[in-house]
PDB file of all heavy atoms in Angstrom:
ATOM      1  N   VAL A   1     -29.014  -0.210 -14.892  1.00  0.00           N
ATOM      2  CA  VAL A   1     -27.747  -0.808 -15.302  1.00  0.00           C
ATOM      3  C   VAL A   1     -27.194  -1.526 -14.079  1.00  0.00           C
ATOM      4  O   VAL A   1     -27.176  -1.013 -12.989  1.00  0.00           O
ATOM      5  CB  VAL A   1     -26.761   0.277 -15.746  1.00  0.00           C
ATOM      6  CG1 VAL A   1     -25.451  -0.293 -16.147  1.00  0.00           C
ATOM      7  CG2 VAL A   1     -27.347   1.093 -16.823  1.00  0.00           C
ATOM      8  N   THR A   2     -26.719  -2.593 -14.278  1.00  0.00           N
ATOM      9  CA  THR A   2     -26.141  -3.395 -13.208  1.00  0.00           C
ATOM     10  C   THR A   2     -24.648  -3.448 -13.429  1.00  0.00           C
ATOM     11  O   THR A   2     -24.163  -3.654 -14.539  1.00  0.00           O
ATOM     12  CB  THR A   2     -26.704  -4.829 -13.257  1.00  0.00           C
ATOM     13  OG1 THR A   2     -27.992  -4.804 -13.706  1.00  0.00           O
ATOM     14  CG2 THR A   2     -26.594  -5.466 -11.971  1.00  0.00           C
ATOM     15  N   GLY A   3     -23.928  -3.337 -12.391  1.00  0.00           N
ATOM     16  CA  GLY A   3     -22.480  -3.383 -12.513  1.00  0.00           C
ATOM     17  C   GLY A   3     -21.975  -4.755 -12.176  1.00  0.00           C
ATOM     18  O   GLY A   3     -22.093  -5.220 -11.056  1.00  0.00           O
ATOM     19  N   ILE A   4     -21.569  -5.409 -13.150  1.00  0.00           N
ATOM     20  CA  ILE A   4     -21.053  -6.747 -12.955  1.00  0.00           C
ATOM     21  C   ILE A   4     -19.552  -6.679 -13.159  1.00  0.00           C
ATOM     22  O   ILE A   4     -19.058  -6.127 -14.145  1.00  0.00           O
ATOM     23  CB  ILE A   4     -21.677  -7.720 -13.967  1.00  0.00           C
ATOM     24  CG1 ILE A   4     -23.163  -7.751 -13.764  1.00  0.00           C
ATOM     25  CG2 ILE A   4     -21.070  -9.084 -13.834  1.00  0.00           C
ATOM     26  CD1 ILE A   4     -23.877  -8.590 -14.774  1.00  0.00           C
ATOM     27  N   ASN A   5     -18.878  -7.254 -12.249  1.00  0.00           N
ATOM     28  CA  ASN A   5     -17.421  -7.272 -12.310  1.00  0.00           C
ATOM     29  C   ASN A   5     -17.006  -8.489 -13.108  1.00  0.00           C
ATOM     30  O   ASN A   5     -17.130  -9.624 -12.642  1.00  0.00           O
ATOM     31  CB  ASN A   5     -16.849  -7.323 -10.897  1.00  0.00           C
ATOM     32  CG  ASN A   5     -15.343  -7.140 -10.900  1.00  0.00           C
ATOM     33  OD1 ASN A   5     -14.729  -6.965 -11.950  1.00  0.00           O
ATOM     34  ND2 ASN A   5     -14.764  -7.175  -9.727  1.00  0.00           N
ATOM     35  N   LEU A   6     -16.559  -8.233 -14.268  1.00  0.00           N
ATOM     36  CA  LEU A   6     -16.166  -9.334 -15.113  1.00  0.00           C
ATOM     37  C   LEU A   6     -14.730  -9.777 -14.832  1.00  0.00           C
ATOM     38  O   LEU A   6     -14.366 -10.905 -15.170  1.00  0.00           O
ATOM     39  CB  LEU A   6     -16.302  -8.934 -16.578  1.00  0.00           C
ATOM     40  CG  LEU A   6     -17.718  -8.608 -17.030  1.00  0.00           C
ATOM     41  CD1 LEU A   6     -17.697  -8.089 -18.448  1.00  0.00           C
ATOM     42  CD2 LEU A   6     -18.601  -9.834 -16.921  1.00  0.00           C
ATOM     43  N   LEU A   7     -13.981  -8.908 -14.260  1.00  0.00           N
ATOM     44  CA  LEU A   7     -12.589  -9.261 -13.958  1.00  0.00           C
ATOM     45  C   LEU A   7     -12.338  -9.086 -12.447  1.00  0.00           C
ATOM     46  O   LEU A   7     -11.769  -8.095 -12.005  1.00  0.00           O
ATOM     47  CB  LEU A   7     -11.625  -8.380 -14.754  1.00  0.00           C
ATOM     48  CG  LEU A   7     -11.775  -8.459 -16.270  1.00  0.00           C
ATOM     49  CD1 LEU A   7     -10.986  -7.351 -16.917  1.00  0.00           C
ATOM     50  CD2 LEU A   7     -11.343  -9.794 -16.800  1.00  0.00           C
ATOM     51  N   PRO A   8     -12.780 -10.011 -11.607  1.00  0.00           N
ATOM     52  CA  PRO A   8     -12.624  -9.847 -10.155  1.00  0.00           C
ATOM     53  C   PRO A   8     -11.160  -9.927  -9.700  1.00  0.00           C
ATOM     54  O   PRO A   8     -10.794  -9.383  -8.665  1.00  0.00           O
ATOM     55  CB  PRO A   8     -13.432 -11.004  -9.589  1.00  0.00           C
ATOM     56  CG  PRO A   8     -13.541 -11.998 -10.672  1.00  0.00           C
ATOM     57  CD  PRO A   8     -13.412 -11.250 -11.947  1.00  0.00           C
ATOM     58  N   TRP A   9     -10.374 -10.564 -10.426  1.00  0.00           N
ATOM     59  CA  TRP A   9      -8.968 -10.694 -10.030  1.00  0.00           C
ATOM     60  C   TRP A   9      -8.254  -9.360 -10.102  1.00  0.00           C
ATOM     61  O   TRP A   9      -7.311  -9.092  -9.371  1.00  0.00           O
ATOM     62  CB  TRP A   9      -8.249 -11.767 -10.880  1.00  0.00           C
ATOM     63  CG  TRP A   9      -8.266 -11.482 -12.344  1.00  0.00           C
ATOM     64  CD1 TRP A   9      -9.230 -11.824 -13.220  1.00  0.00           C
ATOM     65  CD2 TRP A   9      -7.280 -10.767 -13.063  1.00  0.00           C
ATOM     66  NE1 TRP A   9      -8.929 -11.380 -14.469  1.00  0.00           N
ATOM     67  CE2 TRP A   9      -7.696 -10.732 -14.407  1.00  0.00           C
ATOM     68  CE3 TRP A   9      -6.049 -10.164 -12.770  1.00  0.00           C
ATOM     69  CZ2 TRP A   9      -6.957 -10.104 -15.410  1.00  0.00           C
ATOM     70  CZ3 TRP A   9      -5.309  -9.570 -13.766  1.00  0.00           C
ATOM     71  CH2 TRP A   9      -5.762  -9.529 -15.069  1.00  0.00           C
ATOM     72  N   ARG A  10      -8.753  -8.399 -10.982  1.00  0.00           N
ATOM     73  CA  ARG A  10      -8.138  -7.080 -11.093  1.00  0.00           C
ATOM     74  C   ARG A  10      -8.400  -6.263  -9.842  1.00  0.00           C
ATOM     75  O   ARG A  10      -7.507  -5.556  -9.368  1.00  0.00           O
ATOM     76  CB  ARG A  10      -8.693  -6.343 -12.300  1.00  0.00           C
ATOM     77  CG  ARG A  10      -8.103  -6.817 -13.582  1.00  0.00           C
ATOM     78  CD  ARG A  10      -8.597  -5.905 -14.668  1.00  0.00           C
ATOM     79  NE  ARG A  10      -7.941  -6.190 -15.917  1.00  0.00           N
ATOM     80  CZ  ARG A  10      -8.211  -5.595 -17.042  1.00  0.00           C
ATOM     81  NH1 ARG A  10      -9.127  -4.669 -17.098  1.00  0.00           N
ATOM     82  NH2 ARG A  10      -7.580  -5.912 -18.134  1.00  0.00           N
ATOM     83  N   SER A  11      -9.610  -6.356  -9.325  1.00  0.00           N
ATOM     84  CA  SER A  11      -9.906  -5.585  -8.114  1.00  0.00           C
ATOM     85  C   SER A  11      -9.117  -6.130  -6.937  1.00  0.00           C
ATOM     86  O   SER A  11      -8.627  -5.361  -6.103  1.00  0.00           O
ATOM     87  CB  SER A  11     -11.393  -5.588  -7.824  1.00  0.00           C
ATOM     88  OG  SER A  11     -11.839  -6.869  -7.483  1.00  0.00           O
ATOM     89  N   SER A  12      -8.977  -7.405  -6.831  1.00  0.00           N
ATOM     90  CA  SER A  12      -8.178  -7.949  -5.733  1.00  0.00           C
ATOM     91  C   SER A  12      -6.699  -7.580  -5.915  1.00  0.00           C
ATOM     92  O   SER A  12      -5.982  -7.320  -4.942  1.00  0.00           O
ATOM     93  CB  SER A  12      -8.363  -9.470  -5.636  1.00  0.00           C
ATOM     94  OG  SER A  12      -7.819 -10.105  -6.758  1.00  0.00           O
ATOM     95  N   LEU A  13      -6.254  -7.546  -7.163  1.00  0.00           N
ATOM     96  CA  LEU A  13      -4.872  -7.140  -7.447  1.00  0.00           C
ATOM     97  C   LEU A  13      -4.659  -5.680  -7.092  1.00  0.00           C
ATOM     98  O   LEU A  13      -3.640  -5.297  -6.521  1.00  0.00           O
ATOM     99  CB  LEU A  13      -4.557  -7.401  -8.921  1.00  0.00           C
ATOM    100  CG  LEU A  13      -3.106  -7.149  -9.354  1.00  0.00           C
ATOM    101  CD1 LEU A  13      -2.156  -8.117  -8.649  1.00  0.00           C
ATOM    102  CD2 LEU A  13      -2.986  -7.302 -10.852  1.00  0.00           C
ATOM    103  N   ARG A  14      -5.653  -4.864  -7.409  1.00  0.00           N
ATOM    104  CA  ARG A  14      -5.562  -3.449  -7.095  1.00  0.00           C
ATOM    105  C   ARG A  14      -5.531  -3.249  -5.581  1.00  0.00           C
ATOM    106  O   ARG A  14      -4.751  -2.464  -5.057  1.00  0.00           O
ATOM    107  CB  ARG A  14      -6.733  -2.707  -7.706  1.00  0.00           C
ATOM    108  CG  ARG A  14      -6.591  -1.218  -7.572  1.00  0.00           C
ATOM    109  CD  ARG A  14      -7.678  -0.497  -8.292  1.00  0.00           C
ATOM    110  NE  ARG A  14      -8.862  -1.346  -8.428  1.00  0.00           N
ATOM    111  CZ  ARG A  14     -10.101  -0.933  -8.292  1.00  0.00           C
ATOM    112  NH1 ARG A  14     -10.369   0.306  -8.086  1.00  0.00           N
ATOM    113  NH2 ARG A  14     -11.106  -1.750  -8.408  1.00  0.00           N
ATOM    114  N   LEU A  15      -6.405  -3.995  -4.871  1.00  0.00           N
ATOM    115  CA  LEU A  15      -6.403  -3.918  -3.410  1.00  0.00           C
ATOM    116  C   LEU A  15      -5.055  -4.372  -2.843  1.00  0.00           C
ATOM    117  O   LEU A  15      -4.531  -3.779  -1.897  1.00  0.00           O
ATOM    118  CB  LEU A  15      -7.531  -4.767  -2.828  1.00  0.00           C
ATOM    119  CG  LEU A  15      -8.928  -4.175  -2.945  1.00  0.00           C
ATOM    120  CD1 LEU A  15      -9.959  -5.192  -2.475  1.00  0.00           C
ATOM    121  CD2 LEU A  15      -9.036  -2.908  -2.121  1.00  0.00           C
ATOM    122  N   GLU A  16      -4.518  -5.406  -3.425  1.00  0.00           N
ATOM    123  CA  GLU A  16      -3.216  -5.916  -2.973  1.00  0.00           C
ATOM    124  C   GLU A  16      -2.139  -4.888  -3.237  1.00  0.00           C
ATOM    125  O   GLU A  16      -1.258  -4.670  -2.399  1.00  0.00           O
ATOM    126  CB  GLU A  16      -2.907  -7.231  -3.692  1.00  0.00           C
ATOM    127  CG  GLU A  16      -1.673  -7.939  -3.192  1.00  0.00           C
ATOM    128  CD  GLU A  16      -1.737  -8.284  -1.722  1.00  0.00           C
ATOM    129  OE1 GLU A  16      -2.805  -8.609  -1.175  1.00  0.00           O
ATOM    130  OE2 GLU A  16      -0.664  -8.182  -1.089  1.00  0.00           O
ATOM    131  N   LYS A  17      -2.174  -4.198  -4.378  1.00  0.00           N
ATOM    132  CA  LYS A  17      -1.193  -3.160  -4.700  1.00  0.00           C
ATOM    133  C   LYS A  17      -1.332  -1.995  -3.731  1.00  0.00           C
ATOM    134  O   LYS A  17      -0.334  -1.425  -3.276  1.00  0.00           O
ATOM    135  CB  LYS A  17      -1.358  -2.685  -6.142  1.00  0.00           C
ATOM    136  CG  LYS A  17      -0.773  -3.607  -7.159  1.00  0.00           C
ATOM    137  CD  LYS A  17      -0.893  -2.989  -8.544  1.00  0.00           C
ATOM    138  CE  LYS A  17      -0.286  -3.881  -9.600  1.00  0.00           C
ATOM    139  NZ  LYS A  17      -0.370  -3.324 -10.914  1.00  0.00           N
ATOM    140  N   GLU A  18      -2.578  -1.618  -3.419  1.00  0.00           N
ATOM    141  CA  GLU A  18      -2.788  -0.521  -2.465  1.00  0.00           C
ATOM    142  C   GLU A  18      -2.240  -0.896  -1.091  1.00  0.00           C
ATOM    143  O   GLU A  18      -1.574  -0.098  -0.427  1.00  0.00           O
ATOM    144  CB  GLU A  18      -4.277  -0.176  -2.364  1.00  0.00           C
ATOM    145  CG  GLU A  18      -4.805   0.584  -3.539  1.00  0.00           C
ATOM    146  CD  GLU A  18      -6.300   0.874  -3.394  1.00  0.00           C
ATOM    147  OE1 GLU A  18      -6.854   0.688  -2.278  1.00  0.00           O
ATOM    148  OE2 GLU A  18      -6.886   1.294  -4.399  1.00  0.00           O
ATOM    149  N   ARG A  19      -2.516  -2.138  -0.651  1.00  0.00           N
ATOM    150  CA  ARG A  19      -1.989  -2.588   0.646  1.00  0.00           C
ATOM    151  C   ARG A  19      -0.467  -2.627   0.626  1.00  0.00           C
ATOM    152  O   ARG A  19       0.190  -2.241   1.592  1.00  0.00           O
ATOM    153  CB  ARG A  19      -2.533  -3.963   0.976  1.00  0.00           C
ATOM    154  CG  ARG A  19      -3.961  -3.945   1.375  1.00  0.00           C
ATOM    155  CD  ARG A  19      -4.402  -5.341   1.752  1.00  0.00           C
ATOM    156  NE  ARG A  19      -5.842  -5.349   1.890  1.00  0.00           N
ATOM    157  CZ  ARG A  19      -6.616  -6.358   1.563  1.00  0.00           C
ATOM    158  NH1 ARG A  19      -6.106  -7.461   1.057  1.00  0.00           N
ATOM    159  NH2 ARG A  19      -7.908  -6.294   1.733  1.00  0.00           N
ATOM    160  N   SER A  20       0.100  -3.094  -0.468  1.00  0.00           N
ATOM    161  CA  SER A  20       1.561  -3.145  -0.612  1.00  0.00           C
ATOM    162  C   SER A  20       2.151  -1.737  -0.585  1.00  0.00           C
ATOM    163  O   SER A  20       3.175  -1.487   0.059  1.00  0.00           O
ATOM    164  CB  SER A  20       1.909  -3.868  -1.912  1.00  0.00           C
ATOM    165  OG  SER A  20       3.285  -3.808  -2.138  1.00  0.00           O
ATOM    166  N   PHE A  21       1.474  -0.825  -1.284  1.00  0.00           N
ATOM    167  CA  PHE A  21       1.948   0.565  -1.303  1.00  0.00           C
ATOM    168  C   PHE A  21       1.885   1.166   0.103  1.00  0.00           C
ATOM    169  O   PHE A  21       2.819   1.847   0.548  1.00  0.00           O
ATOM    170  CB  PHE A  21       1.110   1.391  -2.294  1.00  0.00           C
ATOM    171  CG  PHE A  21       1.516   2.822  -2.381  1.00  0.00           C
ATOM    172  CD1 PHE A  21       2.705   3.204  -3.016  1.00  0.00           C
ATOM    173  CD2 PHE A  21       0.713   3.813  -1.825  1.00  0.00           C
ATOM    174  CE1 PHE A  21       3.065   4.516  -3.082  1.00  0.00           C
ATOM    175  CE2 PHE A  21       1.086   5.134  -1.910  1.00  0.00           C
ATOM    176  CZ  PHE A  21       2.254   5.505  -2.538  1.00  0.00           C
ATOM    177  N   ARG A  22       0.789   0.900   0.821  1.00  0.00           N
ATOM    178  CA  ARG A  22       0.655   1.408   2.178  1.00  0.00           C
ATOM    179  C   ARG A  22       1.739   0.821   3.090  1.00  0.00           C
ATOM    180  O   ARG A  22       2.312   1.517   3.916  1.00  0.00           O
ATOM    181  CB  ARG A  22      -0.730   1.097   2.738  1.00  0.00           C
ATOM    182  CG  ARG A  22      -1.795   1.966   2.133  1.00  0.00           C
ATOM    183  CD  ARG A  22      -3.134   1.652   2.723  1.00  0.00           C
ATOM    184  NE  ARG A  22      -4.156   2.405   2.010  1.00  0.00           N
ATOM    185  CZ  ARG A  22      -5.411   2.043   1.907  1.00  0.00           C
ATOM    186  NH1 ARG A  22      -5.822   0.920   2.478  1.00  0.00           N
ATOM    187  NH2 ARG A  22      -6.271   2.769   1.242  1.00  0.00           N
ATOM    188  N   ARG A  23       2.020  -0.461   2.944  1.00  0.00           N
ATOM    189  CA  ARG A  23       3.085  -1.091   3.730  1.00  0.00           C
ATOM    190  C   ARG A  23       4.435  -0.462   3.406  1.00  0.00           C
ATOM    191  O   ARG A  23       5.237  -0.198   4.290  1.00  0.00           O
ATOM    192  CB  ARG A  23       3.115  -2.597   3.460  1.00  0.00           C
ATOM    193  CG  ARG A  23       2.135  -3.346   4.307  1.00  0.00           C
ATOM    194  CD  ARG A  23       2.327  -4.854   4.141  1.00  0.00           C
ATOM    195  NE  ARG A  23       1.099  -5.285   3.477  1.00  0.00           N
ATOM    196  CZ  ARG A  23       1.017  -6.161   2.504  1.00  0.00           C
ATOM    197  NH1 ARG A  23       2.078  -6.750   2.058  1.00  0.00           N
ATOM    198  NH2 ARG A  23      -0.133  -6.470   1.966  1.00  0.00           N
ATOM    199  N   GLN A  24       4.677  -0.233   2.110  1.00  0.00           N
ATOM    200  CA  GLN A  24       5.945   0.386   1.707  1.00  0.00           C
ATOM    201  C   GLN A  24       6.072   1.789   2.291  1.00  0.00           C
ATOM    202  O   GLN A  24       7.138   2.187   2.769  1.00  0.00           O
ATOM    203  CB  GLN A  24       6.060   0.415   0.180  1.00  0.00           C
ATOM    204  CG  GLN A  24       6.338  -0.917  -0.441  1.00  0.00           C
ATOM    205  CD  GLN A  24       6.351  -0.831  -1.973  1.00  0.00           C
ATOM    206  OE1 GLN A  24       6.014   0.196  -2.569  1.00  0.00           O
ATOM    207  NE2 GLN A  24       6.722  -1.950  -2.611  1.00  0.00           N
ATOM    208  N   ILE A  25       4.957   2.525   2.248  1.00  0.00           N
ATOM    209  CA  ILE A  25       4.981   3.884   2.816  1.00  0.00           C
ATOM    210  C   ILE A  25       5.244   3.806   4.315  1.00  0.00           C
ATOM    211  O   ILE A  25       6.034   4.573   4.852  1.00  0.00           O
ATOM    212  CB  ILE A  25       3.665   4.627   2.506  1.00  0.00           C
ATOM    213  CG1 ILE A  25       3.650   5.040   1.045  1.00  0.00           C
ATOM    214  CG2 ILE A  25       3.516   5.848   3.400  1.00  0.00           C
ATOM    215  CD1 ILE A  25       2.427   5.798   0.613  1.00  0.00           C
ATOM    216  N   LEU A  26       4.589   2.859   5.010  1.00  0.00           N
ATOM    217  CA  LEU A  26       4.811   2.704   6.455  1.00  0.00           C
ATOM    218  C   LEU A  26       6.265   2.313   6.743  1.00  0.00           C
ATOM    219  O   LEU A  26       6.897   2.828   7.672  1.00  0.00           O
ATOM    220  CB  LEU A  26       3.855   1.668   7.039  1.00  0.00           C
ATOM    221  CG  LEU A  26       2.399   2.106   7.188  1.00  0.00           C
ATOM    222  CD1 LEU A  26       1.550   0.953   7.680  1.00  0.00           C
ATOM    223  CD2 LEU A  26       2.301   3.284   8.139  1.00  0.00           C
ATOM    224  N   VAL A  27       6.816   1.416   5.927  1.00  0.00           N
ATOM    225  CA  VAL A  27       8.216   1.005   6.115  1.00  0.00           C
ATOM    226  C   VAL A  27       9.145   2.194   5.869  1.00  0.00           C
ATOM    227  O   VAL A  27      10.065   2.455   6.647  1.00  0.00           O
ATOM    228  CB  VAL A  27       8.562  -0.189   5.202  1.00  0.00           C
ATOM    229  CG1 VAL A  27      10.063  -0.425   5.172  1.00  0.00           C
ATOM    230  CG2 VAL A  27       7.833  -1.438   5.645  1.00  0.00           C
ATOM    231  N   VAL A  28       8.877   2.922   4.780  1.00  0.00           N
ATOM    232  CA  VAL A  28       9.718   4.089   4.478  1.00  0.00           C
ATOM    233  C   VAL A  28       9.597   5.128   5.585  1.00  0.00           C
ATOM    234  O   VAL A  28      10.585   5.696   6.049  1.00  0.00           O
ATOM    235  CB  VAL A  28       9.361   4.676   3.094  1.00  0.00           C
ATOM    236  CG1 VAL A  28      10.021   6.030   2.896  1.00  0.00           C
ATOM    237  CG2 VAL A  28       9.765   3.732   1.985  1.00  0.00           C
ATOM    238  N   LEU A  29       8.352   5.382   6.028  1.00  0.00           N
ATOM    239  CA  LEU A  29       8.163   6.330   7.129  1.00  0.00           C
ATOM    240  C   LEU A  29       8.859   5.836   8.396  1.00  0.00           C
ATOM    241  O   LEU A  29       9.484   6.620   9.129  1.00  0.00           O
ATOM    242  CB  LEU A  29       6.672   6.569   7.381  1.00  0.00           C
ATOM    243  CG  LEU A  29       5.940   7.457   6.380  1.00  0.00           C
ATOM    244  CD1 LEU A  29       4.460   7.518   6.709  1.00  0.00           C
ATOM    245  CD2 LEU A  29       6.538   8.837   6.351  1.00  0.00           C
ATOM    246  N   GLY A  30       8.778   4.562   8.685  1.00  0.00           N
ATOM    247  CA  GLY A  30       9.459   3.988   9.859  1.00  0.00           C
ATOM    248  C   GLY A  30      10.965   4.162   9.757  1.00  0.00           C
ATOM    249  O   GLY A  30      11.640   4.541  10.727  1.00  0.00           O
ATOM    250  N   VAL A  31      11.505   3.860   8.556  1.00  0.00           N
ATOM    251  CA  VAL A  31      12.960   4.029   8.356  1.00  0.00           C
ATOM    252  C   VAL A  31      13.341   5.492   8.502  1.00  0.00           C
ATOM    253  O   VAL A  31      14.356   5.831   9.134  1.00  0.00           O
ATOM    254  CB  VAL A  31      13.366   3.457   6.973  1.00  0.00           C
ATOM    255  CG1 VAL A  31      14.793   3.850   6.624  1.00  0.00           C
ATOM    256  CG2 VAL A  31      13.206   1.948   6.947  1.00  0.00           C
ATOM    257  N   VAL A  32      12.541   6.396   7.927  1.00  0.00           N
ATOM    258  CA  VAL A  32      12.821   7.828   8.029  1.00  0.00           C
ATOM    259  C   VAL A  32      12.777   8.265   9.495  1.00  0.00           C
ATOM    260  O   VAL A  32      13.648   9.013   9.973  1.00  0.00           O
ATOM    261  CB  VAL A  32      11.851   8.647   7.155  1.00  0.00           C
ATOM    262  CG1 VAL A  32      11.930  10.124   7.482  1.00  0.00           C
ATOM    263  CG2 VAL A  32      12.133   8.424   5.678  1.00  0.00           C
ATOM    264  N   VAL A  33      11.763   7.781  10.240  1.00  0.00           N
ATOM    265  CA  VAL A  33      11.660   8.132  11.660  1.00  0.00           C
ATOM    266  C   VAL A  33      12.873   7.603  12.418  1.00  0.00           C
ATOM    267  O   VAL A  33      13.467   8.308  13.246  1.00  0.00           O
ATOM    268  CB  VAL A  33      10.328   7.607  12.260  1.00  0.00           C
ATOM    269  CG1 VAL A  33      10.345   7.678  13.772  1.00  0.00           C
ATOM    270  CG2 VAL A  33       9.151   8.381  11.710  1.00  0.00           C
ATOM    271  N   ILE A  34      13.264   6.367  12.151  1.00  0.00           N
ATOM    272  CA  ILE A  34      14.440   5.796  12.815  1.00  0.00           C
ATOM    273  C   ILE A  34      15.689   6.606  12.478  1.00  0.00           C
ATOM    274  O   ILE A  34      16.494   6.925  13.361  1.00  0.00           O
ATOM    275  CB  ILE A  34      14.600   4.305  12.438  1.00  0.00           C
ATOM    276  CG1 ILE A  34      13.477   3.494  13.075  1.00  0.00           C
ATOM    277  CG2 ILE A  34      15.958   3.775  12.873  1.00  0.00           C
ATOM    278  CD1 ILE A  34      13.430   2.051  12.644  1.00  0.00           C
ATOM    279  N   ILE A  35      15.853   6.964  11.205  1.00  0.00           N
ATOM    280  CA  ILE A  35      17.017   7.767  10.796  1.00  0.00           C
ATOM    281  C   ILE A  35      16.994   9.117  11.495  1.00  0.00           C
ATOM    282  O   ILE A  35      18.025   9.592  11.997  1.00  0.00           O
ATOM    283  CB  ILE A  35      17.055   7.917   9.253  1.00  0.00           C
ATOM    284  CG1 ILE A  35      17.419   6.583   8.610  1.00  0.00           C
ATOM    285  CG2 ILE A  35      18.067   8.998   8.846  1.00  0.00           C
ATOM    286  CD1 ILE A  35      17.344   6.567   7.107  1.00  0.00           C
ATOM    287  N   LEU A  36      15.819   9.758  11.549  1.00  0.00           N
ATOM    288  CA  LEU A  36      15.713  11.064  12.220  1.00  0.00           C
ATOM    289  C   LEU A  36      16.005  10.944  13.716  1.00  0.00           C
ATOM    290  O   LEU A  36      16.679  11.805  14.299  1.00  0.00           O
ATOM    291  CB  LEU A  36      14.334  11.674  11.979  1.00  0.00           C
ATOM    292  CG  LEU A  36      14.064  12.209  10.570  1.00  0.00           C
ATOM    293  CD1 LEU A  36      12.626  12.689  10.443  1.00  0.00           C
ATOM    294  CD2 LEU A  36      15.036  13.319  10.227  1.00  0.00           C
ATOM    295  N   VAL A  37      15.518   9.880  14.352  1.00  0.00           N
ATOM    296  CA  VAL A  37      15.782   9.686  15.789  1.00  0.00           C
ATOM    297  C   VAL A  37      17.275   9.468  16.019  1.00  0.00           C
ATOM    298  O   VAL A  37      17.877  10.054  16.926  1.00  0.00           O
ATOM    299  CB  VAL A  37      14.929   8.511  16.341  1.00  0.00           C
ATOM    300  CG1 VAL A  37      15.405   8.095  17.718  1.00  0.00           C
ATOM    301  CG2 VAL A  37      13.465   8.889  16.379  1.00  0.00           C
ATOM    302  N   VAL A  38      17.895   8.632  15.193  1.00  0.00           N
ATOM    303  CA  VAL A  38      19.337   8.381  15.324  1.00  0.00           C
ATOM    304  C   VAL A  38      20.105   9.681  15.076  1.00  0.00           C
ATOM    305  O   VAL A  38      21.050  10.021  15.811  1.00  0.00           O
ATOM    306  CB  VAL A  38      19.783   7.257  14.367  1.00  0.00           C
ATOM    307  CG1 VAL A  38      21.293   7.174  14.279  1.00  0.00           C
ATOM    308  CG2 VAL A  38      19.188   5.933  14.787  1.00  0.00           C
ATOM    309  N   TRP A  39      19.724  10.414  14.049  1.00  0.00           N
ATOM    310  CA  TRP A  39      20.396  11.677  13.746  1.00  0.00           C
ATOM    311  C   TRP A  39      20.231  12.645  14.908  1.00  0.00           C
ATOM    312  O   TRP A  39      21.174  13.336  15.298  1.00  0.00           O
ATOM    313  CB  TRP A  39      19.830  12.257  12.454  1.00  0.00           C
ATOM    314  CG  TRP A  39      20.578  13.453  11.928  1.00  0.00           C
ATOM    315  CD1 TRP A  39      21.904  13.690  11.983  1.00  0.00           C
ATOM    316  CD2 TRP A  39      20.004  14.572  11.261  1.00  0.00           C
ATOM    317  NE1 TRP A  39      22.211  14.882  11.399  1.00  0.00           N
ATOM    318  CE2 TRP A  39      21.047  15.451  10.933  1.00  0.00           C
ATOM    319  CE3 TRP A  39      18.707  14.911  10.882  1.00  0.00           C
ATOM    320  CZ2 TRP A  39      20.843  16.654  10.273  1.00  0.00           C
ATOM    321  CZ3 TRP A  39      18.518  16.104  10.209  1.00  0.00           C
ATOM    322  CH2 TRP A  39      19.568  16.959   9.928  1.00  0.00           C
ATOM    323  N   HIS A  40      19.017  12.711  15.487  1.00  0.00           N
ATOM    324  CA  HIS A  40      18.765  13.565  16.644  1.00  0.00           C
ATOM    325  C   HIS A  40      19.665  13.160  17.826  1.00  0.00           C
ATOM    326  O   HIS A  40      20.238  14.019  18.499  1.00  0.00           O
ATOM    327  CB  HIS A  40      17.282  13.475  17.026  1.00  0.00           C
ATOM    328  CG  HIS A  40      16.939  14.232  18.261  1.00  0.00           C
ATOM    329  ND1 HIS A  40      16.898  15.604  18.304  1.00  0.00           N
ATOM    330  CD2 HIS A  40      16.631  13.805  19.519  1.00  0.00           C
ATOM    331  CE1 HIS A  40      16.573  15.991  19.526  1.00  0.00           C
ATOM    332  NE2 HIS A  40      16.403  14.906  20.279  1.00  0.00           N
TER     333      HIS A  40
END
């Protein structure tokens, strides 16, 4: 069986969503760290 990707735009969209999610997590973590440092 050969795996042919019939919808390549979905995989790129999924990769883009994962990258966006990772960026959001990094931003949220950065904001949380900044808030914790300021609170400290």
